[in-house]
Amino acid sequence: MRADFQSEKGARPRAWLAWSSGKDSAWALHAVRQSGEFEVAALLTTVNQTHARVAMHAVRECLVEMQVAAAGLPLIKVPIPSPCTNEVYERAMGEAMARARAEGVRHVVFGDLFLEDIRAYREKQLAACGMTPIFPLWRRNTRQLAEEMIAGGLSAYLTCVDPRKLERSFAGRRFDTDFLRELPADVDPCGENGEFHTFANGGPMFKQAIPVTAGEIVERDGFIFADFLPRATAAGTS
C-alpha cells in the first residue's frame, strides 16, 4: 500500500481487518464487503516468530499468504515471540496501529461474536491509538451464523481443538453440516468460547479456493492441533 494514500472526500472510510485465518474473520471480510460501508485496505495478522504460524490457530504462514492473495488484499504481519507477554503484544500492535494511521486508516474490523470482555479490551486498546473497532458479526445467533457460512460456500477445517471442551477426534475435521450436527449441545457452533479454531480455505471472500492436505495431528500445550499444508507442496514439506 502507498503510505501517502488518503481517502478522497466522500469515499468510504478505510479499514484493516484482523485476520486470524479462520472462518469468523473470513466471514467478517465477506460481510463488510457486502455492506459496502468500509473499504478493507489490508488484512492484519499476528505471526509466531518461532514457528512461522498464526497464533492459536497454528496455521502455517505460507497458507495465510495464500489466503490474502486469494482475497486480493495486502497482508500486514505483526511478528510476536512465543511465549508472548501482554506488554510485548500490545507494543507490537501499537506500532501496527501507528502504521495504519499513517496510511489513512482509522478502523479495524474484527470477527468477534459475543465475548464482552474481548470487545471491551479491543475498544480500550484501539481508543488509546486513535482507532475505532468494527464488529460486523456481533451478537449474531451463532447457530444461524454457522449455517449461513456453510450455505454461503465457506470452506474451513478445524486446526485446533480444546480437548476439555470437544473430543480430540474433531481436530482436522471439515466445518460443515455434519460437524454442526455432531457437536455436543454445550459447544458453541462457532467455537467462540475457545472450543475450536479453524482455517478458511474457500468461500465468497476469496477469488479461488486454497487447496490443502491434512498433515500431522499433535497435542501441544494442552490443545490438539491439526496441521494443514498447501496441496501442491505437501510431499516436500515437513
C-alpha atoms as a PDB file:
ATOM      1  CA  MET A   1       0.000   0.000   0.000  1.00  0.00           C
ATOM      2  CA  ARG A   2       1.082   3.552  -0.613  1.00  0.00           C
ATOM      3  CA  ALA A   3       1.878   5.310   2.632  1.00  0.00           C
ATOM      4  CA  ASP A   4       0.779   8.644   1.163  1.00  0.00           C
ATOM      5  CA  PHE A   5      -2.689   7.416   0.230  1.00  0.00           C
ATOM      6  CA  GLN A   6      -5.582   9.292   1.799  1.00  0.00           C
ATOM      7  CA  SER A   7      -9.275   8.659   1.222  1.00  0.00           C
ATOM      8  CA  GLU A   8     -10.839  11.239  -1.045  1.00  0.00           C
ATOM      9  CA  LYS A   9     -13.690  13.347   0.238  1.00  0.00           C
ATOM     10  CA  GLY A  10     -16.854  11.286   0.165  1.00  0.00           C
ATOM     11  CA  ALA A  11     -15.008   7.955  -0.213  1.00  0.00           C
ATOM     12  CA  ARG A  12     -15.697   5.061   2.118  1.00  0.00           C
ATOM     13  CA  PRO A  13     -13.587   5.019   5.288  1.00  0.00           C
ATOM     14  CA  ARG A  14     -10.636   2.643   5.014  1.00  0.00           C
ATOM     15  CA  ALA A  15     -10.159  -0.224   7.442  1.00  0.00           C
ATOM     16  CA  TRP A  16      -7.786  -3.037   8.201  1.00  0.00           C
ATOM     17  CA  LEU A  17      -9.299  -6.388   9.125  1.00  0.00           C
ATOM     18  CA  ALA A  18      -7.888  -8.506  11.952  1.00  0.00           C
ATOM     19  CA  TRP A  19      -7.173 -11.791  10.196  1.00  0.00           C
ATOM     20  CA  SER A  20      -6.992 -14.947  12.318  1.00  0.00           C
ATOM     21  CA  SER A  21      -7.012 -17.194   9.203  1.00  0.00           C
ATOM     22  CA  GLY A  22     -10.284 -18.716  10.459  1.00  0.00           C
ATOM     23  CA  LYS A  23     -13.916 -18.723   9.447  1.00  0.00           C
ATOM     24  CA  ASP A  24     -15.057 -15.742  11.562  1.00  0.00           C
ATOM     25  CA  SER A  25     -12.509 -13.271  10.211  1.00  0.00           C
ATOM     26  CA  ALA A  26     -13.150 -14.613   6.701  1.00  0.00           C
ATOM     27  CA  TRP A  27     -16.890 -14.146   7.083  1.00  0.00           C
ATOM     28  CA  ALA A  28     -16.384 -10.694   8.612  1.00  0.00           C
ATOM     29  CA  LEU A  29     -14.482  -9.749   5.439  1.00  0.00           C
ATOM     30  CA  HIS A  30     -17.375 -11.025   3.338  1.00  0.00           C
ATOM     31  CA  ALA A  31     -19.922  -9.142   5.485  1.00  0.00           C
ATOM     32  CA  VAL A  32     -18.030  -5.836   5.295  1.00  0.00           C
ATOM     33  CA  ARG A  33     -17.615  -6.130   1.549  1.00  0.00           C
ATOM     34  CA  GLN A  34     -21.314  -6.852   1.160  1.00  0.00           C
ATOM     35  CA  SER A  35     -22.343  -3.880   3.289  1.00  0.00           C
ATOM     36  CA  GLY A  36     -20.103  -1.503   1.338  1.00  0.00           C
ATOM     37  CA  GLU A  37     -19.721   0.711   4.411  1.00  0.00           C
ATOM     38  CA  PHE A  38     -15.937   0.365   4.638  1.00  0.00           C
ATOM     39  CA  GLU A  39     -13.101  -0.257   2.220  1.00  0.00           C
ATOM     40  CA  VAL A  40     -10.962  -3.096   3.582  1.00  0.00           C
ATOM     41  CA  ALA A  41      -7.464  -1.983   2.638  1.00  0.00           C
ATOM     42  CA  ALA A  42      -5.424  -4.814   4.203  1.00  0.00           C
ATOM     43  CA  LEU A  43      -5.547  -7.866   6.436  1.00  0.00           C
ATOM     44  CA  LEU A  44      -3.679  -7.758   9.749  1.00  0.00           C
ATOM     45  CA  THR A  45      -2.366 -10.885  11.439  1.00  0.00           C
ATOM     46  CA  THR A  46      -0.029 -11.794  14.292  1.00  0.00           C
ATOM     47  CA  VAL A  47       2.603 -14.389  13.443  1.00  0.00           C
ATOM     48  CA  ASN A  48       4.531 -16.546  15.888  1.00  0.00           C
ATOM     49  CA  GLN A  49       8.169 -15.755  15.049  1.00  0.00           C
ATOM     50  CA  THR A  50       9.445 -19.108  16.337  1.00  0.00           C
ATOM     51  CA  HIS A  51       7.163 -21.364  14.324  1.00  0.00           C
ATOM     52  CA  ALA A  52       6.038 -19.089  11.437  1.00  0.00           C
ATOM     53  CA  ARG A  53       2.400 -19.773  12.246  1.00  0.00           C
ATOM     54  CA  VAL A  54      -0.648 -17.727  13.178  1.00  0.00           C
ATOM     55  CA  ALA A  55      -1.040 -17.525  16.934  1.00  0.00           C
ATOM     56  CA  MET A  56      -3.505 -20.048  18.451  1.00  0.00           C
ATOM     57  CA  HIS A  57      -4.869 -21.247  15.099  1.00  0.00           C
ATOM     58  CA  ALA A  58      -1.374 -22.623  14.337  1.00  0.00           C
ATOM     59  CA  VAL A  59      -1.902 -22.115  10.603  1.00  0.00           C
ATOM     60  CA  ARG A  60       1.278 -22.010   8.557  1.00  0.00           C
ATOM     61  CA  GLU A  61       2.370 -18.549   7.461  1.00  0.00           C
ATOM     62  CA  CYS A  62       2.549 -19.708   3.842  1.00  0.00           C
ATOM     63  CA  LEU A  63      -1.160 -20.616   3.945  1.00  0.00           C
ATOM     64  CA  VAL A  64      -2.065 -17.177   5.278  1.00  0.00           C
ATOM     65  CA  GLU A  65      -0.145 -15.666   2.380  1.00  0.00           C
ATOM     66  CA  MET A  66      -2.209 -17.813   0.010  1.00  0.00           C
ATOM     67  CA  GLN A  67      -5.388 -16.639   1.736  1.00  0.00           C
ATOM     68  CA  VAL A  68      -4.632 -12.955   1.332  1.00  0.00           C
ATOM     69  CA  ALA A  69      -3.621 -13.451  -2.284  1.00  0.00           C
ATOM     70  CA  ALA A  70      -6.974 -15.153  -2.869  1.00  0.00           C
ATOM     71  CA  ALA A  71      -8.708 -12.283  -1.050  1.00  0.00           C
ATOM     72  CA  GLY A  72      -6.893  -9.768  -3.257  1.00  0.00           C
ATOM     73  CA  LEU A  73      -5.535  -7.770  -0.327  1.00  0.00           C
ATOM     74  CA  PRO A  74      -2.151  -6.865   1.188  1.00  0.00           C
ATOM     75  CA  LEU A  75      -1.062  -8.615   4.383  1.00  0.00           C
ATOM     76  CA  ILE A  76       0.242  -6.710   7.401  1.00  0.00           C
ATOM     77  CA  LYS A  77       2.220  -9.103   9.602  1.00  0.00           C
ATOM     78  CA  VAL A  78       2.804  -8.419  13.273  1.00  0.00           C
ATOM     79  CA  PRO A  79       5.594 -10.746  14.446  1.00  0.00           C
ATOM     80  CA  ILE A  80       5.417 -11.791  18.098  1.00  0.00           C
ATOM     81  CA  PRO A  81       7.588 -14.138  20.182  1.00  0.00           C
ATOM     82  CA  SER A  82       6.436 -17.369  21.782  1.00  0.00           C
ATOM     83  CA  PRO A  83       5.544 -17.149  24.572  1.00  0.00           C
ATOM     84  CA  CYS A  84       4.388 -13.536  24.327  1.00  0.00           C
ATOM     85  CA  THR A  85       3.516 -11.242  27.235  1.00  0.00           C
ATOM     86  CA  ASN A  86       0.641  -8.770  27.024  1.00  0.00           C
ATOM     87  CA  GLU A  87       3.144  -5.921  27.167  1.00  0.00           C
ATOM     88  CA  VAL A  88       5.062  -7.198  24.137  1.00  0.00           C
ATOM     89  CA  TYR A  89       1.852  -7.922  22.224  1.00  0.00           C
ATOM     90  CA  GLU A  90       0.365  -4.508  22.928  1.00  0.00           C
ATOM     91  CA  ARG A  91       3.569  -2.741  21.921  1.00  0.00           C
ATOM     92  CA  ALA A  92       3.672  -4.635  18.630  1.00  0.00           C
ATOM     93  CA  MET A  93       0.027  -3.869  17.910  1.00  0.00           C
ATOM     94  CA  GLY A  94       0.540  -0.235  18.845  1.00  0.00           C
ATOM     95  CA  GLU A  95       3.271   0.008  16.223  1.00  0.00           C
ATOM     96  CA  ALA A  96       0.946  -1.569  13.667  1.00  0.00           C
ATOM     97  CA  MET A  97      -1.792   0.931  14.504  1.00  0.00           C
ATOM     98  CA  ALA A  98       0.656   3.800  14.079  1.00  0.00           C
ATOM     99  CA  ARG A  99       1.351   2.491  10.587  1.00  0.00           C
ATOM    100  CA  ALA A 100      -2.386   2.233   9.918  1.00  0.00           C
ATOM    101  CA  ARG A 101      -2.952   5.851  10.878  1.00  0.00           C
ATOM    102  CA  ALA A 102      -0.022   6.939   8.710  1.00  0.00           C
ATOM    103  CA  GLU A 103      -1.756   5.234   5.783  1.00  0.00           C
ATOM    104  CA  GLY A 104      -5.088   6.958   6.383  1.00  0.00           C
ATOM    105  CA  VAL A 105      -6.746   4.026   8.151  1.00  0.00           C
ATOM    106  CA  ARG A 106      -8.832   4.713  11.269  1.00  0.00           C
ATOM    107  CA  HIS A 107     -10.837   1.476  11.672  1.00  0.00           C
ATOM    108  CA  VAL A 108     -10.083  -2.174  12.413  1.00  0.00           C
ATOM    109  CA  VAL A 109     -12.651  -4.885  11.655  1.00  0.00           C
ATOM    110  CA  PHE A 110     -12.945  -7.911  13.968  1.00  0.00           C
ATOM    111  CA  GLY A 111     -14.851 -11.179  13.652  1.00  0.00           C
ATOM    112  CA  ASP A 112     -15.798 -11.298  17.351  1.00  0.00           C
ATOM    113  CA  LEU A 113     -19.253 -12.678  18.112  1.00  0.00           C
ATOM    114  CA  PHE A 114     -20.313 -12.255  21.747  1.00  0.00           C
ATOM    115  CA  LEU A 115     -17.447 -12.184  24.272  1.00  0.00           C
ATOM    116  CA  GLU A 116     -17.925  -8.841  26.037  1.00  0.00           C
ATOM    117  CA  ASP A 117     -14.505  -8.825  27.736  1.00  0.00           C
ATOM    118  CA  ILE A 118     -12.687  -9.291  24.426  1.00  0.00           C
ATOM    119  CA  ARG A 119     -14.692  -6.487  22.807  1.00  0.00           C
ATOM    120  CA  ALA A 120     -14.049  -4.146  25.746  1.00  0.00           C
ATOM    121  CA  TYR A 121     -10.322  -4.901  25.562  1.00  0.00           C
ATOM    122  CA  ARG A 122     -10.192  -4.131  21.828  1.00  0.00           C
ATOM    123  CA  GLU A 123     -12.145  -0.910  22.275  1.00  0.00           C
ATOM    124  CA  LYS A 124      -9.857   0.255  25.069  1.00  0.00           C
ATOM    125  CA  GLN A 125      -6.618  -0.581  23.244  1.00  0.00           C
ATOM    126  CA  LEU A 126      -7.702   0.945  19.950  1.00  0.00           C
ATOM    127  CA  ALA A 127      -9.049   4.106  21.587  1.00  0.00           C
ATOM    128  CA  ALA A 128      -5.573   4.677  23.002  1.00  0.00           C
ATOM    129  CA  CYS A 129      -4.226   4.502  19.427  1.00  0.00           C
ATOM    130  CA  GLY A 130      -6.874   6.785  17.950  1.00  0.00           C
ATOM    131  CA  MET A 131      -8.541   3.874  16.160  1.00  0.00           C
ATOM    132  CA  THR A 132     -12.103   2.544  16.102  1.00  0.00           C
ATOM    133  CA  PRO A 133     -13.062  -1.169  16.099  1.00  0.00           C
ATOM    134  CA  ILE A 134     -15.850  -2.532  13.879  1.00  0.00           C
ATOM    135  CA  PHE A 135     -17.761  -5.739  14.735  1.00  0.00           C
ATOM    136  CA  PRO A 136     -19.927  -6.765  11.753  1.00  0.00           C
ATOM    137  CA  LEU A 137     -20.885 -10.167  13.225  1.00  0.00           C
ATOM    138  CA  TRP A 138     -21.543  -9.004  16.773  1.00  0.00           C
ATOM    139  CA  ARG A 139     -24.425 -10.715  18.599  1.00  0.00           C
ATOM    140  CA  ARG A 140     -25.414 -12.830  15.618  1.00  0.00           C
ATOM    141  CA  ASN A 141     -27.036 -16.119  16.636  1.00  0.00           C
ATOM    142  CA  THR A 142     -24.050 -18.443  16.277  1.00  0.00           C
ATOM    143  CA  ARG A 143     -26.046 -21.481  15.144  1.00  0.00           C
ATOM    144  CA  GLN A 144     -27.692 -19.449  12.413  1.00  0.00           C
ATOM    145  CA  LEU A 145     -24.386 -17.785  11.552  1.00  0.00           C
ATOM    146  CA  ALA A 146     -22.583 -21.126  11.248  1.00  0.00           C
ATOM    147  CA  GLU A 147     -25.321 -22.447   8.986  1.00  0.00           C
ATOM    148  CA  GLU A 148     -25.207 -19.236   6.930  1.00  0.00           C
ATOM    149  CA  MET A 149     -21.453 -19.579   6.467  1.00  0.00           C
ATOM    150  CA  ILE A 150     -21.746 -23.137   5.217  1.00  0.00           C
ATOM    151  CA  ALA A 151     -24.734 -22.408   2.974  1.00  0.00           C
ATOM    152  CA  GLY A 152     -22.862 -19.367   1.644  1.00  0.00           C
ATOM    153  CA  GLY A 153     -19.979 -21.515   0.380  1.00  0.00           C
ATOM    154  CA  LEU A 154     -17.442 -21.138   3.189  1.00  0.00           C
ATOM    155  CA  SER A 155     -14.955 -23.999   3.351  1.00  0.00           C
ATOM    156  CA  ALA A 156     -12.948 -24.399   6.560  1.00  0.00           C
ATOM    157  CA  TYR A 157     -11.159 -27.024   8.639  1.00  0.00           C
ATOM    158  CA  LEU A 158     -10.600 -27.342  12.386  1.00  0.00           C
ATOM    159  CA  THR A 159      -6.947 -26.646  13.179  1.00  0.00           C
ATOM    160  CA  CYS A 160      -7.140 -26.522  16.980  1.00  0.00           C
ATOM    161  CA  VAL A 161      -9.390 -28.258  19.486  1.00  0.00           C
ATOM    162  CA  ASP A 162      -9.579 -27.796  23.244  1.00  0.00           C
ATOM    163  CA  PRO A 163      -9.941 -31.411  24.451  1.00  0.00           C
ATOM    164  CA  ARG A 164     -11.517 -30.191  27.700  1.00  0.00           C
ATOM    165  CA  LYS A 165     -14.475 -28.957  25.648  1.00  0.00           C
ATOM    166  CA  LEU A 166     -14.540 -31.069  22.490  1.00  0.00           C
ATOM    167  CA  GLU A 167     -13.437 -34.581  21.534  1.00  0.00           C
ATOM    168  CA  ARG A 168      -9.931 -34.854  20.086  1.00  0.00           C
ATOM    169  CA  SER A 169     -11.336 -36.612  17.022  1.00  0.00           C
ATOM    170  CA  PHE A 170     -12.811 -33.308  15.839  1.00  0.00           C
ATOM    171  CA  ALA A 171      -9.310 -31.931  15.103  1.00  0.00           C
ATOM    172  CA  GLY A 172      -8.753 -31.760  11.357  1.00  0.00           C
ATOM    173  CA  ARG A 173     -12.429 -32.151  10.508  1.00  0.00           C
ATOM    174  CA  ARG A 174     -14.230 -30.028   7.969  1.00  0.00           C
ATOM    175  CA  PHE A 175     -16.517 -27.293   9.285  1.00  0.00           C
ATOM    176  CA  ASP A 176     -19.732 -28.465   7.630  1.00  0.00           C
ATOM    177  CA  THR A 177     -23.305 -29.545   8.332  1.00  0.00           C
ATOM    178  CA  ASP A 178     -22.184 -32.975   9.579  1.00  0.00           C
ATOM    179  CA  PHE A 179     -19.830 -31.271  12.021  1.00  0.00           C
ATOM    180  CA  LEU A 180     -22.595 -28.993  13.314  1.00  0.00           C
ATOM    181  CA  ARG A 181     -24.970 -31.911  13.708  1.00  0.00           C
ATOM    182  CA  GLU A 182     -22.469 -33.889  15.779  1.00  0.00           C
ATOM    183  CA  LEU A 183     -21.410 -31.035  18.065  1.00  0.00           C
ATOM    184  CA  PRO A 184     -22.264 -31.511  21.765  1.00  0.00           C
ATOM    185  CA  ALA A 185     -25.059 -29.222  22.910  1.00  0.00           C
ATOM    186  CA  ASP A 186     -22.749 -27.274  25.233  1.00  0.00           C
ATOM    187  CA  VAL A 187     -20.263 -26.370  22.462  1.00  0.00           C
ATOM    188  CA  ASP A 188     -20.810 -23.086  20.638  1.00  0.00           C
ATOM    189  CA  PRO A 189     -21.384 -23.757  16.905  1.00  0.00           C
ATOM    190  CA  CYS A 190     -18.783 -21.107  16.046  1.00  0.00           C
ATOM    191  CA  GLY A 191     -16.350 -22.093  18.798  1.00  0.00           C
ATOM    192  CA  GLU A 192     -16.474 -18.613  20.298  1.00  0.00           C
ATOM    193  CA  ASN A 193     -15.721 -19.921  23.789  1.00  0.00           C
ATOM    194  CA  GLY A 194     -12.403 -21.322  22.562  1.00  0.00           C
ATOM    195  CA  GLU A 195     -13.675 -24.849  21.903  1.00  0.00           C
ATOM    196  CA  PHE A 196     -12.040 -24.896  18.464  1.00  0.00           C
ATOM    197  CA  HIS A 197     -10.313 -22.752  15.835  1.00  0.00           C
ATOM    198  CA  THR A 198     -10.374 -23.048  12.068  1.00  0.00           C
ATOM    199  CA  PHE A 199      -8.602 -22.346   8.785  1.00  0.00           C
ATOM    200  CA  ALA A 200     -10.756 -20.971   5.956  1.00  0.00           C
ATOM    201  CA  ASN A 201      -9.692 -22.237   2.541  1.00  0.00           C
ATOM    202  CA  GLY A 202     -12.631 -21.263   0.348  1.00  0.00           C
ATOM    203  CA  GLY A 203     -15.690 -19.073   0.118  1.00  0.00           C
ATOM    204  CA  PRO A 204     -17.136 -15.863  -1.335  1.00  0.00           C
ATOM    205  CA  MET A 205     -14.371 -13.758   0.212  1.00  0.00           C
ATOM    206  CA  PHE A 206     -11.757 -15.490  -1.987  1.00  0.00           C
ATOM    207  CA  LYS A 207     -11.179 -15.326  -5.737  1.00  0.00           C
ATOM    208  CA  GLN A 208     -10.258 -19.007  -5.710  1.00  0.00           C
ATOM    209  CA  ALA A 209     -10.117 -21.858  -3.218  1.00  0.00           C
ATOM    210  CA  ILE A 210      -6.855 -22.768  -1.483  1.00  0.00           C
ATOM    211  CA  PRO A 211      -6.111 -26.475  -1.965  1.00  0.00           C
ATOM    212  CA  VAL A 212      -4.751 -28.069   1.200  1.00  0.00           C
ATOM    213  CA  THR A 213      -3.953 -31.503   2.516  1.00  0.00           C
ATOM    214  CA  ALA A 214      -4.062 -32.739   6.109  1.00  0.00           C
ATOM    215  CA  GLY A 215      -0.809 -33.189   7.978  1.00  0.00           C
ATOM    216  CA  GLU A 216       0.050 -34.336  11.472  1.00  0.00           C
ATOM    217  CA  ILE A 217      -2.264 -34.118  14.463  1.00  0.00           C
ATOM    218  CA  VAL A 218      -0.334 -33.379  17.657  1.00  0.00           C
ATOM    219  CA  GLU A 219      -1.014 -32.412  21.258  1.00  0.00           C
ATOM    220  CA  ARG A 220       0.809 -29.320  22.486  1.00  0.00           C
ATOM    221  CA  ASP A 221       0.275 -27.032  25.483  1.00  0.00           C
ATOM    222  CA  GLY A 222      -2.964 -28.804  26.358  1.00  0.00           C
ATOM    223  CA  PHE A 223      -4.525 -28.400  22.907  1.00  0.00           C
ATOM    224  CA  ILE A 224      -4.908 -30.704  19.902  1.00  0.00           C
ATOM    225  CA  PHE A 225      -3.524 -29.179  16.693  1.00  0.00           C
ATOM    226  CA  ALA A 226      -4.196 -30.423  13.167  1.00  0.00           C
ATOM    227  CA  ASP A 227      -1.625 -29.282  10.626  1.00  0.00           C
ATOM    228  CA  PHE A 228      -2.584 -28.372   7.063  1.00  0.00           C
ATOM    229  CA  LEU A 229      -0.241 -27.898   4.127  1.00  0.00           C
ATOM    230  CA  PRO A 230      -0.564 -26.439   0.638  1.00  0.00           C
ATOM    231  CA  ARG A 231      -1.533 -29.416  -1.508  1.00  0.00           C
ATOM    232  CA  ALA A 232       0.991 -28.673  -4.257  1.00  0.00           C
ATOM    233  CA  THR A 233       3.953 -28.755  -1.840  1.00  0.00           C
ATOM    234  CA  ALA A 234       2.702 -31.247   0.728  1.00  0.00           C
ATOM    235  CA  ALA A 235       5.035 -34.049  -0.333  1.00  0.00           C
ATOM    236  CA  GLY A 236       8.126 -31.958   0.268  1.00  0.00           C
ATOM    237  CA  THR A 237       7.069 -30.154   3.432  1.00  0.00           C
ATOM    238  CA  SER A 238       7.887 -31.427   6.897  1.00  0.00           C
END
